[in-house]
Each structure stands twice: as structure tokens, then as C-alpha cells.
Amino acid sequence: MIQVNLSEAKANLSRYVRQARAGERVVLCERNVPVVELRAIPSGTPLGKSSFGLSKGLFTVGPEFFQADADILEDFEQSGNLP
């Protein structure tokens, strides 16, 4: 791990970017206190807008998930909390 103060990082930014891209952990400090970590972004990582479907196939939602809404609604209706 490399720790550098901001003034040093400004003066040699391209060097630290190269090291981060190579897998080195680069921590930027203000007055020797760590505040930011410089790290590479894996290729193919979407930036900006969120992408729908990134978790497709990683988990399933059973019917009990949807039943929970009906149970909560029923509880409200029975307690008189709905208009």
C-alpha cells in the first residue's frame, strides 16, 4: 500500500494512477490522515446510469414475498388505520 499526501499526488498523479491500475493500493492523505483510496475500475464496469438486470439469476423471489404485502394491508384494514 502506498500513502501519499494530496500535494504529492497532484504533482505525480499519472504515476499513482499507473500504480493503481497495476493493482497497487494507493491511499491519498490530508496532513497524513487517509481520506481517499485511488483504485482501478474493472473494464466493462458500467458508469453513470444504473443497469437493470445485473442480478438476474442470482436469487429468486418466492410467492411469500408478495403475500407479505397482503398481510400488512390486512393488518392495517383491521386496525382501522386506513381512510
C-alpha atoms as a PDB file:
ATOM      1  CA  MET A   1       0.000   0.000   0.000  1.00  0.00           C
ATOM      2  CA  ILE A   2       1.195   3.466  -0.886  1.00  0.00           C
ATOM      3  CA  GLN A   3       0.168   6.500   1.200  1.00  0.00           C
ATOM      4  CA  VAL A   4       0.772   9.967  -0.231  1.00  0.00           C
ATOM      5  CA  ASN A   5      -0.350  13.456   0.729  1.00  0.00           C
ATOM      6  CA  LEU A   6      -2.501  15.379  -1.729  1.00  0.00           C
ATOM      7  CA  SER A   7       0.261  17.758  -2.788  1.00  0.00           C
ATOM      8  CA  GLU A   8       2.466  14.798  -3.728  1.00  0.00           C
ATOM      9  CA  ALA A   9      -0.438  13.109  -5.508  1.00  0.00           C
ATOM     10  CA  LYS A  10      -1.160  16.261  -7.537  1.00  0.00           C
ATOM     11  CA  ALA A  11       2.459  16.521  -8.628  1.00  0.00           C
ATOM     12  CA  ASN A  12       2.698  12.853  -9.652  1.00  0.00           C
ATOM     13  CA  LEU A  13      -0.888  11.845 -10.388  1.00  0.00           C
ATOM     14  CA  SER A  14      -0.155   9.882 -13.557  1.00  0.00           C
ATOM     15  CA  ARG A  15       2.411   7.794 -11.675  1.00  0.00           C
ATOM     16  CA  TYR A  16      -0.089   6.897  -8.942  1.00  0.00           C
ATOM     17  CA  VAL A  17      -2.803   6.151 -11.484  1.00  0.00           C
ATOM     18  CA  ARG A  18      -0.446   3.718 -13.239  1.00  0.00           C
ATOM     19  CA  GLN A  19       0.306   2.033  -9.925  1.00  0.00           C
ATOM     20  CA  ALA A  20      -3.387   1.774  -9.047  1.00  0.00           C
ATOM     21  CA  ARG A  21      -4.159   0.298 -12.477  1.00  0.00           C
ATOM     22  CA  ALA A  22      -1.431  -2.272 -11.836  1.00  0.00           C
ATOM     23  CA  GLY A  23      -3.257  -3.342  -8.656  1.00  0.00           C
ATOM     24  CA  GLU A  24      -1.378  -1.306  -6.080  1.00  0.00           C
ATOM     25  CA  ARG A  25      -3.462   0.216  -3.282  1.00  0.00           C
ATOM     26  CA  VAL A  26      -2.897   3.998  -3.299  1.00  0.00           C
ATOM     27  CA  VAL A  27      -4.275   5.982  -0.359  1.00  0.00           C
ATOM     28  CA  LEU A  28      -4.425   9.773  -0.552  1.00  0.00           C
ATOM     29  CA  CYS A  29      -3.996  11.680   2.705  1.00  0.00           C
ATOM     30  CA  GLU A  30      -4.619  15.165   4.030  1.00  0.00           C
ATOM     31  CA  ARG A  31      -1.931  16.066   6.563  1.00  0.00           C
ATOM     32  CA  ASN A  32      -1.015  12.371   6.831  1.00  0.00           C
ATOM     33  CA  VAL A  33      -4.614  11.331   7.573  1.00  0.00           C
ATOM     34  CA  PRO A  34      -6.041   8.856   4.989  1.00  0.00           C
ATOM     35  CA  VAL A  35      -9.117  10.249   3.219  1.00  0.00           C
ATOM     36  CA  VAL A  36      -9.401   8.608  -0.211  1.00  0.00           C
ATOM     37  CA  GLU A  37      -8.327   5.406  -1.873  1.00  0.00           C
ATOM     38  CA  LEU A  38      -7.332   5.507  -5.536  1.00  0.00           C
ATOM     39  CA  ARG A  39      -8.192   2.269  -7.295  1.00  0.00           C
ATOM     40  CA  ALA A  40      -8.700   0.973 -10.792  1.00  0.00           C
ATOM     41  CA  ILE A  41     -12.182   0.422 -12.203  1.00  0.00           C
ATOM     42  CA  PRO A  42     -12.518  -3.054 -13.751  1.00  0.00           C
ATOM     43  CA  SER A  43     -13.006  -2.950 -17.514  1.00  0.00           C
ATOM     44  CA  GLY A  44     -16.615  -3.316 -18.567  1.00  0.00           C
ATOM     45  CA  THR A  45     -17.955  -1.679 -15.402  1.00  0.00           C
ATOM     46  CA  PRO A  46     -20.945   0.480 -16.334  1.00  0.00           C
ATOM     47  CA  LEU A  47     -20.651   4.080 -15.220  1.00  0.00           C
ATOM     48  CA  GLY A  48     -23.370   6.654 -14.829  1.00  0.00           C
ATOM     49  CA  LYS A  49     -26.844   5.210 -15.302  1.00  0.00           C
ATOM     50  CA  SER A  50     -27.842   2.133 -13.347  1.00  0.00           C
ATOM     51  CA  SER A  51     -28.252  -1.029 -15.367  1.00  0.00           C
ATOM     52  CA  PHE A  52     -31.308  -3.131 -14.710  1.00  0.00           C
ATOM     53  CA  GLY A  53     -30.947  -6.879 -14.609  1.00  0.00           C
ATOM     54  CA  LEU A  54     -27.423  -7.090 -13.199  1.00  0.00           C
ATOM     55  CA  SER A  55     -28.637  -9.520 -10.506  1.00  0.00           C
ATOM     56  CA  LYS A  56     -30.718 -11.648 -12.863  1.00  0.00           C
ATOM     57  CA  GLY A  57     -30.401 -15.297 -11.895  1.00  0.00           C
ATOM     58  CA  LEU A  58     -28.586 -14.599  -8.614  1.00  0.00           C
ATOM     59  CA  PHE A  59     -31.668 -15.094  -6.431  1.00  0.00           C
ATOM     60  CA  THR A  60     -35.343 -15.939  -6.648  1.00  0.00           C
ATOM     61  CA  VAL A  61     -38.352 -14.344  -5.019  1.00  0.00           C
ATOM     62  CA  GLY A  62     -40.956 -16.764  -3.760  1.00  0.00           C
ATOM     63  CA  PRO A  63     -44.698 -16.165  -3.543  1.00  0.00           C
ATOM     64  CA  GLU A  64     -44.415 -15.466   0.210  1.00  0.00           C
ATOM     65  CA  PHE A  65     -42.707 -12.180  -0.669  1.00  0.00           C
ATOM     66  CA  PHE A  66     -45.847 -10.916  -2.375  1.00  0.00           C
ATOM     67  CA  GLN A  67     -48.094 -12.360   0.322  1.00  0.00           C
ATOM     68  CA  ALA A  68     -46.361 -10.147   2.895  1.00  0.00           C
ATOM     69  CA  ASP A  69     -47.912  -7.050   1.267  1.00  0.00           C
ATOM     70  CA  ALA A  70     -51.373  -8.551   1.530  1.00  0.00           C
ATOM     71  CA  ASP A  71     -50.789  -9.470   5.196  1.00  0.00           C
ATOM     72  CA  ILE A  72     -49.638  -5.947   6.044  1.00  0.00           C
ATOM     73  CA  LEU A  73     -52.608  -4.420   4.213  1.00  0.00           C
ATOM     74  CA  GLU A  74     -54.968  -6.725   6.081  1.00  0.00           C
ATOM     75  CA  ASP A  75     -53.426  -5.699   9.423  1.00  0.00           C
ATOM     76  CA  PHE A  76     -53.978  -2.024   8.587  1.00  0.00           C
ATOM     77  CA  GLU A  77     -57.535  -2.603   7.469  1.00  0.00           C
ATOM     78  CA  GLN A  78     -58.371  -4.475  10.668  1.00  0.00           C
ATOM     79  CA  SER A  79     -56.855  -1.801  12.903  1.00  0.00           C
ATOM     80  CA  GLY A  80     -58.765   0.993  11.226  1.00  0.00           C
ATOM     81  CA  ASN A  81     -55.616   2.879  10.192  1.00  0.00           C
ATOM     82  CA  LEU A  82     -56.645   3.220   6.563  1.00  0.00           C
ATOM     83  CA  PRO A  83     -59.016   6.001   5.471  1.00  0.00           C
END
